[in-house]
Amino acid sequence: MNWWNLIILSLSILVSNRTYSQEPKNKSMEDQKKSDVYSRTDTSKVNLTNEEWKERLSPDVYNIAREKGTEWAFTGKYWNSKDDGTYYCAACGNPLFVSDAKFESSCGWPSFFEPVTKGSLIYAPDNTHGMHRTEVMCGRCKAHLGHVFDDGPPPTGLRYCINSVILDFERAKEAENNFNGK
């Protein structure tokens, strides 16, 4: 790769990072969480139309969750995070992964080797773009999260490659303080 190509690639990553920012300017993550379907404890299934989802989600989250979009590699806010805590679906609040199951895969997206529970996720074949993959969706609201591959570490051998945009994160210490009423 020559220098000119490297400069073009770097600029395109910077522009895409700006395009796929994690929070819209007019709607905070806290406001999004107050949606009538967002809950970190409710396990009932969420079945909304795409129009109803569009009213509740930021454009970035909607693109990933409902249009099966993908953020650019190495641009998401959690791809290299090492904080202890729990990852939730940004669309509905369903617990998905704990940080103990996160590992560095060098793929550019947050990678996990197992979900919080077996029912946290649902799976579907994905043969788009000339590839044979397995799509991973939220078990509560069917939001697209990413894909799972069989090249992960023990004990499962799986690599759940997940878009940061569709994840909310609560640090373990914050969760403890919230539980204790602090």
N, C-alpha and C. Protein backbone atom coordinates (compact mmCIF):
# COMPACT_ATOMS: atom_id res chain seq x y z
N MET A 1 0.86 -1.18 0.00
CA MET A 1 0.00 0.00 0.00
C MET A 1 0.90 1.23 0.00
N ASN A 2 0.67 2.15 -0.93
CA ASN A 2 1.50 3.34 -0.97
C ASN A 2 0.96 4.40 0.00
N TRP A 3 1.72 5.46 0.19
CA TRP A 3 1.36 6.51 1.15
C TRP A 3 0.05 7.18 0.80
N TRP A 4 -0.18 7.39 -0.48
CA TRP A 4 -1.42 8.05 -0.89
C TRP A 4 -2.65 7.23 -0.47
N ASN A 5 -2.60 5.91 -0.68
CA ASN A 5 -3.70 5.04 -0.26
C ASN A 5 -3.87 5.06 1.25
N LEU A 6 -2.77 5.09 1.99
CA LEU A 6 -2.83 5.13 3.45
C LEU A 6 -3.49 6.43 3.93
N ILE A 7 -3.17 7.54 3.30
CA ILE A 7 -3.78 8.81 3.66
C ILE A 7 -5.27 8.79 3.37
N ILE A 8 -5.66 8.28 2.21
CA ILE A 8 -7.09 8.18 1.85
C ILE A 8 -7.82 7.29 2.84
N LEU A 9 -7.23 6.14 3.20
CA LEU A 9 -7.85 5.24 4.17
C LEU A 9 -8.02 5.92 5.52
N SER A 10 -7.00 6.63 5.98
CA SER A 10 -7.07 7.33 7.27
C SER A 10 -8.15 8.39 7.26
N LEU A 11 -8.24 9.15 6.19
CA LEU A 11 -9.27 10.18 6.10
C LEU A 11 -10.67 9.58 6.07
N SER A 12 -10.83 8.47 5.36
CA SER A 12 -12.15 7.85 5.30
C SER A 12 -12.56 7.30 6.66
N ILE A 13 -11.62 6.80 7.43
CA ILE A 13 -11.94 6.33 8.79
C ILE A 13 -12.34 7.49 9.67
N LEU A 14 -11.64 8.60 9.57
CA LEU A 14 -12.00 9.78 10.36
C LEU A 14 -13.39 10.28 10.01
N VAL A 15 -13.69 10.35 8.72
CA VAL A 15 -15.00 10.82 8.28
C VAL A 15 -16.08 9.85 8.73
N SER A 16 -15.84 8.54 8.60
CA SER A 16 -16.86 7.56 9.00
C SER A 16 -17.06 7.60 10.50
N ASN A 17 -16.01 7.84 11.26
CA ASN A 17 -16.16 7.93 12.71
C ASN A 17 -17.06 9.11 13.06
N ARG A 18 -16.93 10.19 12.35
CA ARG A 18 -17.77 11.37 12.56
C ARG A 18 -19.21 11.05 12.16
N THR A 19 -19.38 10.32 11.07
CA THR A 19 -20.71 9.98 10.58
C THR A 19 -21.42 9.03 11.54
N TYR A 20 -20.69 8.09 12.09
CA TYR A 20 -21.30 7.11 12.99
C TYR A 20 -20.95 7.41 14.43
N SER A 21 -21.19 8.62 14.87
CA SER A 21 -20.94 8.98 16.26
C SER A 21 -21.87 8.17 17.15
N GLN A 22 -21.47 7.98 18.38
CA GLN A 22 -22.22 7.11 19.27
C GLN A 22 -23.46 7.77 19.86
N GLU A 23 -23.48 9.09 19.98
CA GLU A 23 -24.63 9.76 20.57
C GLU A 23 -25.08 10.90 19.68
N PRO A 24 -26.37 10.97 19.41
CA PRO A 24 -26.85 12.11 18.64
C PRO A 24 -26.74 13.38 19.48
N LYS A 25 -26.58 14.51 18.83
CA LYS A 25 -26.40 15.77 19.55
C LYS A 25 -27.67 16.20 20.29
N ASN A 26 -28.83 15.79 19.78
CA ASN A 26 -30.08 16.28 20.36
C ASN A 26 -30.73 15.28 21.30
N LYS A 27 -30.12 14.13 21.53
CA LYS A 27 -30.75 13.12 22.36
C LYS A 27 -29.67 12.37 23.12
N SER A 28 -29.67 12.49 24.45
CA SER A 28 -28.64 11.82 25.23
C SER A 28 -28.98 10.34 25.38
N MET A 29 -27.95 9.54 25.72
CA MET A 29 -28.18 8.10 25.94
C MET A 29 -29.19 7.91 27.07
N GLU A 30 -29.15 8.76 28.08
CA GLU A 30 -30.09 8.64 29.19
C GLU A 30 -31.52 8.84 28.71
N ASP A 31 -31.74 9.79 27.80
CA ASP A 31 -33.08 10.00 27.23
C ASP A 31 -33.53 8.78 26.45
N GLN A 32 -32.61 8.18 25.69
CA GLN A 32 -32.96 6.99 24.92
C GLN A 32 -33.38 5.85 25.84
N LYS A 33 -32.72 5.72 26.98
CA LYS A 33 -33.01 4.64 27.91
C LYS A 33 -34.40 4.78 28.52
N LYS A 34 -34.97 5.96 28.49
CA LYS A 34 -36.27 6.17 29.10
C LYS A 34 -37.41 5.83 28.15
N SER A 35 -37.08 5.24 27.03
CA SER A 35 -38.09 4.78 26.09
C SER A 35 -39.01 3.80 26.81
N ASP A 36 -40.24 3.75 26.37
CA ASP A 36 -41.22 2.88 27.02
C ASP A 36 -40.89 1.39 26.90
N VAL A 37 -39.94 1.01 26.04
CA VAL A 37 -39.58 -0.41 25.92
C VAL A 37 -38.22 -0.71 26.53
N TYR A 38 -37.45 0.31 26.88
CA TYR A 38 -36.10 0.09 27.41
C TYR A 38 -36.19 -0.31 28.88
N SER A 39 -35.68 -1.51 29.19
CA SER A 39 -35.65 -1.99 30.57
C SER A 39 -34.53 -2.99 30.72
N ARG A 40 -33.79 -2.87 31.79
CA ARG A 40 -32.72 -3.83 32.06
C ARG A 40 -33.21 -5.00 32.90
N THR A 41 -34.49 -5.01 33.26
CA THR A 41 -35.03 -6.11 34.06
C THR A 41 -36.20 -6.82 33.39
N ASP A 42 -36.94 -6.14 32.53
CA ASP A 42 -38.10 -6.74 31.85
C ASP A 42 -37.60 -7.75 30.82
N THR A 43 -38.15 -8.95 30.87
CA THR A 43 -37.74 -9.99 29.93
C THR A 43 -38.79 -10.26 28.86
N SER A 44 -39.90 -9.51 28.88
CA SER A 44 -40.94 -9.73 27.87
C SER A 44 -40.43 -9.30 26.50
N LYS A 45 -40.89 -10.02 25.48
CA LYS A 45 -40.47 -9.74 24.11
C LYS A 45 -41.00 -8.39 23.66
N VAL A 46 -40.23 -7.69 22.83
CA VAL A 46 -40.62 -6.40 22.29
C VAL A 46 -40.85 -6.56 20.79
N ASN A 47 -42.07 -6.29 20.34
CA ASN A 47 -42.42 -6.40 18.93
C ASN A 47 -42.98 -5.07 18.45
N LEU A 48 -42.13 -4.28 17.82
CA LEU A 48 -42.54 -2.98 17.30
C LEU A 48 -42.30 -2.96 15.79
N THR A 49 -43.03 -2.10 15.11
CA THR A 49 -42.79 -1.90 13.69
C THR A 49 -41.51 -1.08 13.53
N ASN A 50 -40.96 -1.07 12.33
CA ASN A 50 -39.77 -0.26 12.09
C ASN A 50 -40.07 1.22 12.31
N GLU A 51 -41.27 1.67 11.97
CA GLU A 51 -41.64 3.07 12.21
C GLU A 51 -41.64 3.38 13.71
N GLU A 52 -42.15 2.46 14.52
CA GLU A 52 -42.15 2.67 15.97
C GLU A 52 -40.73 2.68 16.51
N TRP A 53 -39.87 1.81 15.99
CA TRP A 53 -38.47 1.82 16.40
C TRP A 53 -37.80 3.13 16.00
N LYS A 54 -38.11 3.61 14.82
CA LYS A 54 -37.50 4.85 14.31
C LYS A 54 -37.80 6.02 15.24
N GLU A 55 -38.99 6.03 15.84
CA GLU A 55 -39.38 7.09 16.78
C GLU A 55 -38.61 6.99 18.09
N ARG A 56 -38.15 5.80 18.45
CA ARG A 56 -37.54 5.57 19.76
C ARG A 56 -36.01 5.59 19.74
N LEU A 57 -35.41 5.30 18.60
CA LEU A 57 -33.95 5.13 18.54
C LEU A 57 -33.27 6.28 17.81
N SER A 58 -32.04 6.53 18.19
CA SER A 58 -31.23 7.50 17.45
C SER A 58 -30.99 6.93 16.04
N PRO A 59 -30.66 7.77 15.07
CA PRO A 59 -30.40 7.27 13.71
C PRO A 59 -29.30 6.21 13.66
N ASP A 60 -28.23 6.37 14.44
CA ASP A 60 -27.14 5.40 14.43
C ASP A 60 -27.58 4.04 14.96
N VAL A 61 -28.30 4.06 16.09
CA VAL A 61 -28.77 2.81 16.68
C VAL A 61 -29.80 2.16 15.75
N TYR A 62 -30.69 2.95 15.18
CA TYR A 62 -31.69 2.41 14.26
C TYR A 62 -31.02 1.74 13.06
N ASN A 63 -29.99 2.37 12.50
CA ASN A 63 -29.28 1.81 11.36
C ASN A 63 -28.73 0.41 11.66
N ILE A 64 -28.10 0.26 12.80
CA ILE A 64 -27.54 -1.05 13.17
C ILE A 64 -28.67 -2.02 13.52
N ALA A 65 -29.56 -1.62 14.42
CA ALA A 65 -30.57 -2.51 14.97
C ALA A 65 -31.60 -2.98 13.94
N ARG A 66 -32.11 -2.09 13.13
CA ARG A 66 -33.22 -2.43 12.25
C ARG A 66 -32.82 -2.59 10.79
N GLU A 67 -31.74 -1.93 10.37
CA GLU A 67 -31.31 -2.01 8.97
C GLU A 67 -30.08 -2.90 8.80
N LYS A 68 -29.66 -3.53 9.90
CA LYS A 68 -28.52 -4.45 9.91
C LYS A 68 -27.24 -3.78 9.41
N GLY A 69 -27.06 -2.53 9.83
CA GLY A 69 -25.86 -1.79 9.46
C GLY A 69 -24.65 -2.30 10.23
N THR A 70 -23.50 -1.78 9.86
CA THR A 70 -22.24 -2.12 10.53
C THR A 70 -21.42 -0.85 10.67
N GLU A 71 -20.93 -0.60 11.88
CA GLU A 71 -20.05 0.54 12.07
C GLU A 71 -18.67 0.20 11.52
N TRP A 72 -17.88 1.21 11.21
CA TRP A 72 -16.53 0.99 10.72
C TRP A 72 -15.67 0.36 11.81
N ALA A 73 -14.79 -0.53 11.44
CA ALA A 73 -13.87 -1.16 12.39
C ALA A 73 -13.02 -0.11 13.10
N PHE A 74 -12.73 -0.36 14.34
CA PHE A 74 -11.86 0.46 15.18
C PHE A 74 -12.42 1.86 15.44
N THR A 75 -13.73 2.07 15.27
CA THR A 75 -14.31 3.38 15.52
C THR A 75 -15.31 3.37 16.68
N GLY A 76 -15.82 2.22 17.07
CA GLY A 76 -16.83 2.14 18.13
C GLY A 76 -16.23 2.40 19.50
N LYS A 77 -17.06 2.90 20.40
CA LYS A 77 -16.54 3.28 21.72
C LYS A 77 -16.18 2.10 22.61
N TYR A 78 -16.58 0.88 22.29
CA TYR A 78 -16.27 -0.26 23.14
C TYR A 78 -15.28 -1.25 22.53
N TRP A 79 -14.79 -1.01 21.34
CA TRP A 79 -13.95 -2.01 20.69
C TRP A 79 -12.70 -2.34 21.49
N ASN A 80 -12.15 -1.38 22.22
CA ASN A 80 -10.95 -1.66 23.02
C ASN A 80 -11.15 -1.35 24.50
N SER A 81 -12.39 -1.28 24.95
CA SER A 81 -12.69 -1.01 26.35
C SER A 81 -12.29 -2.19 27.23
N LYS A 82 -11.74 -1.87 28.39
CA LYS A 82 -11.33 -2.91 29.33
C LYS A 82 -12.03 -2.76 30.68
N ASP A 83 -13.06 -1.92 30.74
CA ASP A 83 -13.79 -1.70 31.99
C ASP A 83 -14.61 -2.92 32.38
N ASP A 84 -14.76 -3.13 33.69
CA ASP A 84 -15.59 -4.22 34.21
C ASP A 84 -17.03 -3.77 34.26
N GLY A 85 -17.93 -4.63 33.80
CA GLY A 85 -19.35 -4.30 33.84
C GLY A 85 -20.16 -5.18 32.92
N THR A 86 -21.35 -4.69 32.58
CA THR A 86 -22.30 -5.44 31.77
C THR A 86 -22.68 -4.63 30.53
N TYR A 87 -22.79 -5.33 29.40
CA TYR A 87 -23.21 -4.74 28.14
C TYR A 87 -24.67 -5.10 27.88
N TYR A 88 -25.47 -4.08 27.51
CA TYR A 88 -26.90 -4.23 27.28
C TYR A 88 -27.25 -3.84 25.85
N CYS A 89 -28.39 -4.31 25.38
CA CYS A 89 -28.89 -3.89 24.07
C CYS A 89 -29.31 -2.43 24.17
N ALA A 90 -28.79 -1.58 23.30
CA ALA A 90 -29.11 -0.16 23.33
C ALA A 90 -30.54 0.11 22.88
N ALA A 91 -31.17 -0.84 22.21
CA ALA A 91 -32.55 -0.65 21.76
C ALA A 91 -33.56 -0.96 22.85
N CYS A 92 -33.33 -2.04 23.63
CA CYS A 92 -34.35 -2.46 24.61
C CYS A 92 -33.83 -2.66 26.02
N GLY A 93 -32.51 -2.64 26.25
CA GLY A 93 -31.98 -2.80 27.60
C GLY A 93 -31.69 -4.23 28.02
N ASN A 94 -31.90 -5.19 27.14
CA ASN A 94 -31.67 -6.59 27.46
C ASN A 94 -30.19 -6.84 27.77
N PRO A 95 -29.86 -7.51 28.91
CA PRO A 95 -28.46 -7.84 29.19
C PRO A 95 -27.93 -8.83 28.16
N LEU A 96 -26.75 -8.52 27.59
CA LEU A 96 -26.19 -9.34 26.52
C LEU A 96 -24.89 -10.03 26.91
N PHE A 97 -23.92 -9.26 27.40
CA PHE A 97 -22.58 -9.79 27.69
C PHE A 97 -22.03 -9.16 28.96
N VAL A 98 -21.14 -9.88 29.64
CA VAL A 98 -20.39 -9.29 30.76
C VAL A 98 -18.95 -9.13 30.31
N SER A 99 -18.28 -8.19 30.94
CA SER A 99 -16.90 -7.88 30.53
C SER A 99 -15.96 -9.06 30.72
N ASP A 100 -16.27 -9.98 31.64
CA ASP A 100 -15.41 -11.16 31.83
C ASP A 100 -15.36 -12.04 30.58
N ALA A 101 -16.37 -11.91 29.70
CA ALA A 101 -16.41 -12.71 28.47
C ALA A 101 -15.87 -11.93 27.27
N LYS A 102 -15.34 -10.72 27.51
CA LYS A 102 -14.81 -9.88 26.42
C LYS A 102 -13.33 -10.21 26.25
N PHE A 103 -12.87 -10.20 25.01
CA PHE A 103 -11.46 -10.46 24.75
C PHE A 103 -10.99 -9.63 23.55
N GLU A 104 -9.69 -9.47 23.44
CA GLU A 104 -9.10 -8.73 22.33
C GLU A 104 -8.94 -9.65 21.13
N SER A 105 -9.70 -9.36 20.09
CA SER A 105 -9.63 -10.20 18.89
C SER A 105 -8.90 -9.50 17.75
N SER A 106 -8.63 -8.22 17.91
CA SER A 106 -7.98 -7.40 16.88
C SER A 106 -8.81 -7.26 15.61
N CYS A 107 -10.12 -7.50 15.70
CA CYS A 107 -10.97 -7.38 14.52
C CYS A 107 -11.55 -5.97 14.37
N GLY A 108 -11.46 -5.16 15.43
CA GLY A 108 -11.95 -3.78 15.35
C GLY A 108 -13.32 -3.56 15.96
N TRP A 109 -13.96 -4.63 16.43
CA TRP A 109 -15.26 -4.53 17.10
C TRP A 109 -15.15 -5.23 18.44
N PRO A 110 -16.01 -4.87 19.39
CA PRO A 110 -16.00 -5.60 20.67
C PRO A 110 -16.25 -7.08 20.40
N SER A 111 -15.46 -7.94 21.04
CA SER A 111 -15.59 -9.38 20.86
C SER A 111 -15.79 -10.06 22.19
N PHE A 112 -16.71 -11.02 22.21
CA PHE A 112 -17.05 -11.76 23.41
C PHE A 112 -17.05 -13.25 23.07
N PHE A 113 -16.79 -14.11 24.07
CA PHE A 113 -16.82 -15.54 23.79
C PHE A 113 -18.09 -16.22 24.27
N GLU A 114 -18.96 -15.51 25.04
CA GLU A 114 -20.25 -16.08 25.42
C GLU A 114 -21.20 -14.98 25.89
N PRO A 115 -22.51 -15.18 25.70
CA PRO A 115 -23.49 -14.21 26.16
C PRO A 115 -23.79 -14.39 27.65
N VAL A 116 -24.52 -13.44 28.23
CA VAL A 116 -24.91 -13.50 29.64
C VAL A 116 -25.70 -14.79 29.90
N THR A 117 -26.71 -15.04 29.08
CA THR A 117 -27.51 -16.26 29.17
C THR A 117 -27.75 -16.79 27.77
N LYS A 118 -28.16 -18.03 27.69
CA LYS A 118 -28.45 -18.63 26.39
C LYS A 118 -29.56 -17.89 25.66
N GLY A 119 -30.57 -17.39 26.39
CA GLY A 119 -31.69 -16.68 25.79
C GLY A 119 -31.44 -15.21 25.49
N SER A 120 -30.26 -14.70 25.84
CA SER A 120 -29.94 -13.29 25.58
C SER A 120 -29.88 -12.98 24.09
N LEU A 121 -29.55 -14.00 23.30
CA LEU A 121 -29.33 -13.82 21.87
C LEU A 121 -30.16 -14.81 21.06
N ILE A 122 -30.44 -14.43 19.82
CA ILE A 122 -31.00 -15.36 18.85
C ILE A 122 -30.13 -15.30 17.61
N TYR A 123 -30.20 -16.34 16.80
CA TYR A 123 -29.28 -16.50 15.69
C TYR A 123 -30.04 -16.74 14.38
N ALA A 124 -29.45 -16.30 13.28
CA ALA A 124 -30.04 -16.52 11.96
C ALA A 124 -28.92 -16.63 10.94
N PRO A 125 -29.10 -17.47 9.92
CA PRO A 125 -28.10 -17.54 8.86
C PRO A 125 -28.04 -16.21 8.10
N ASP A 126 -26.85 -15.80 7.72
CA ASP A 126 -26.66 -14.57 6.96
C ASP A 126 -25.73 -14.88 5.79
N ASN A 127 -26.28 -14.92 4.60
CA ASN A 127 -25.50 -15.23 3.40
C ASN A 127 -25.32 -14.01 2.50
N THR A 128 -25.41 -12.81 3.08
CA THR A 128 -25.24 -11.59 2.31
C THR A 128 -23.76 -11.36 1.99
N HIS A 129 -23.52 -10.52 1.02
CA HIS A 129 -22.16 -10.10 0.63
C HIS A 129 -21.28 -11.28 0.24
N GLY A 130 -21.88 -12.37 -0.22
CA GLY A 130 -21.11 -13.53 -0.67
C GLY A 130 -20.45 -14.31 0.45
N MET A 131 -20.89 -14.12 1.70
CA MET A 131 -20.31 -14.81 2.84
C MET A 131 -21.35 -15.70 3.50
N HIS A 132 -20.88 -16.71 4.21
CA HIS A 132 -21.75 -17.57 5.01
C HIS A 132 -21.42 -17.29 6.47
N ARG A 133 -22.33 -16.54 7.13
CA ARG A 133 -22.11 -16.14 8.51
C ARG A 133 -23.36 -16.44 9.32
N THR A 134 -23.24 -16.26 10.64
CA THR A 134 -24.38 -16.37 11.53
C THR A 134 -24.63 -15.02 12.17
N GLU A 135 -25.80 -14.46 11.90
CA GLU A 135 -26.18 -13.18 12.49
C GLU A 135 -26.57 -13.39 13.94
N VAL A 136 -26.22 -12.41 14.78
CA VAL A 136 -26.59 -12.41 16.19
C VAL A 136 -27.57 -11.26 16.41
N MET A 137 -28.71 -11.59 17.05
CA MET A 137 -29.72 -10.58 17.35
C MET A 137 -30.07 -10.62 18.84
N CYS A 138 -30.60 -9.52 19.33
CA CYS A 138 -31.06 -9.44 20.72
C CYS A 138 -32.21 -10.43 20.91
N GLY A 139 -32.15 -11.20 21.97
CA GLY A 139 -33.19 -12.18 22.26
C GLY A 139 -34.50 -11.57 22.70
N ARG A 140 -34.51 -10.30 23.04
CA ARG A 140 -35.73 -9.64 23.50
C ARG A 140 -36.41 -8.84 22.39
N CYS A 141 -35.62 -8.08 21.59
CA CYS A 141 -36.23 -7.19 20.60
C CYS A 141 -35.83 -7.49 19.16
N LYS A 142 -35.00 -8.50 18.96
CA LYS A 142 -34.52 -8.91 17.64
C LYS A 142 -33.70 -7.84 16.92
N ALA A 143 -33.06 -6.96 17.68
CA ALA A 143 -32.17 -5.97 17.08
C ALA A 143 -30.92 -6.67 16.57
N HIS A 144 -30.47 -6.29 15.39
CA HIS A 144 -29.21 -6.81 14.84
C HIS A 144 -28.07 -6.31 15.72
N LEU A 145 -27.19 -7.22 16.15
CA LEU A 145 -26.05 -6.87 16.98
C LEU A 145 -24.73 -7.02 16.23
N GLY A 146 -24.62 -8.07 15.44
CA GLY A 146 -23.38 -8.37 14.74
C GLY A 146 -23.43 -9.81 14.26
N HIS A 147 -22.28 -10.51 14.38
CA HIS A 147 -22.17 -11.89 13.91
C HIS A 147 -21.35 -12.71 14.89
N VAL A 148 -21.52 -14.03 14.82
CA VAL A 148 -20.71 -14.94 15.65
C VAL A 148 -19.90 -15.84 14.71
N PHE A 149 -18.65 -16.07 15.10
CA PHE A 149 -17.72 -16.88 14.32
C PHE A 149 -17.12 -17.95 15.23
N ASP A 150 -16.61 -19.01 14.64
CA ASP A 150 -16.07 -20.12 15.43
C ASP A 150 -14.54 -20.06 15.57
N ASP A 151 -14.01 -18.84 15.66
CA ASP A 151 -12.56 -18.68 15.82
C ASP A 151 -12.20 -17.97 17.12
N GLY A 152 -13.03 -18.15 18.14
CA GLY A 152 -12.80 -17.50 19.43
C GLY A 152 -11.98 -18.36 20.38
N PRO A 153 -11.72 -17.82 21.57
CA PRO A 153 -10.90 -18.53 22.56
C PRO A 153 -11.71 -19.56 23.35
N PRO A 154 -11.03 -20.41 24.12
CA PRO A 154 -11.73 -21.31 25.03
C PRO A 154 -12.45 -20.47 26.08
N PRO A 155 -13.46 -20.92 26.70
CA PRO A 155 -13.95 -22.30 26.67
C PRO A 155 -14.95 -22.58 25.54
N THR A 156 -15.46 -21.55 24.85
CA THR A 156 -16.52 -21.78 23.86
C THR A 156 -15.99 -21.91 22.44
N GLY A 157 -14.85 -21.29 22.15
CA GLY A 157 -14.32 -21.27 20.79
C GLY A 157 -15.09 -20.32 19.88
N LEU A 158 -15.95 -19.49 20.47
CA LEU A 158 -16.77 -18.56 19.69
C LEU A 158 -16.26 -17.13 19.82
N ARG A 159 -16.51 -16.35 18.76
CA ARG A 159 -16.20 -14.91 18.78
C ARG A 159 -17.45 -14.17 18.33
N TYR A 160 -18.12 -13.57 19.31
CA TYR A 160 -19.27 -12.71 19.02
C TYR A 160 -18.71 -11.34 18.68
N CYS A 161 -18.83 -10.94 17.45
CA CYS A 161 -18.30 -9.68 16.93
C CYS A 161 -19.48 -8.70 16.87
N ILE A 162 -19.51 -7.72 17.79
CA ILE A 162 -20.69 -6.91 18.03
C ILE A 162 -20.40 -5.43 17.77
N ASN A 163 -21.36 -4.74 17.18
CA ASN A 163 -21.24 -3.30 16.94
C ASN A 163 -21.36 -2.53 18.26
N SER A 164 -20.45 -1.60 18.52
CA SER A 164 -20.52 -0.77 19.73
C SER A 164 -21.79 0.06 19.78
N VAL A 165 -22.25 0.55 18.63
CA VAL A 165 -23.42 1.44 18.58
C VAL A 165 -24.64 0.80 19.23
N ILE A 166 -24.79 -0.51 19.11
CA ILE A 166 -25.97 -1.19 19.63
C ILE A 166 -25.78 -1.65 21.08
N LEU A 167 -24.67 -1.27 21.69
CA LEU A 167 -24.41 -1.64 23.08
C LEU A 167 -24.49 -0.45 24.02
N ASP A 168 -25.12 -0.68 25.16
CA ASP A 168 -25.02 0.22 26.31
C ASP A 168 -24.15 -0.50 27.32
N PHE A 169 -23.46 0.25 28.16
CA PHE A 169 -22.55 -0.37 29.12
C PHE A 169 -22.76 0.25 30.49
N GLU A 170 -22.78 -0.59 31.50
CA GLU A 170 -22.83 -0.11 32.88
C GLU A 170 -21.63 -0.69 33.60
N ARG A 171 -20.78 0.21 34.12
CA ARG A 171 -19.61 -0.24 34.86
C ARG A 171 -20.05 -0.96 36.12
N ALA A 172 -19.30 -1.94 36.53
CA ALA A 172 -19.64 -2.74 37.70
C ALA A 172 -19.79 -1.87 38.95
N LYS A 173 -18.93 -0.90 39.14
CA LYS A 173 -19.00 -0.04 40.33
C LYS A 173 -20.28 0.80 40.31
N GLU A 174 -20.65 1.31 39.14
CA GLU A 174 -21.90 2.08 39.03
C GLU A 174 -23.10 1.20 39.36
N ALA A 175 -23.09 -0.03 38.90
CA ALA A 175 -24.19 -0.96 39.17
C ALA A 175 -24.29 -1.23 40.67
N GLU A 176 -23.14 -1.41 41.30
CA GLU A 176 -23.13 -1.65 42.75
C GLU A 176 -23.68 -0.44 43.49
N ASN A 177 -23.25 0.76 43.10
CA ASN A 177 -23.76 1.98 43.73
C ASN A 177 -25.25 2.14 43.52
N ASN A 178 -25.74 1.88 42.30
CA ASN A 178 -27.17 1.96 42.02
C ASN A 178 -27.95 0.96 42.89
N PHE A 179 -27.40 -0.24 43.05
CA PHE A 179 -28.05 -1.27 43.85
C PHE A 179 -28.11 -0.85 45.31
N ASN A 180 -27.04 -0.24 45.81
CA ASN A 180 -26.96 0.18 47.21
C ASN A 180 -27.62 1.53 47.46
N GLY A 181 -28.18 2.16 46.42
CA GLY A 181 -28.88 3.42 46.59
C GLY A 181 -27.97 4.62 46.76
N LYS A 182 -26.74 4.55 46.31
CA LYS A 182 -25.81 5.68 46.46
C LYS A 182 -25.91 6.59 45.27
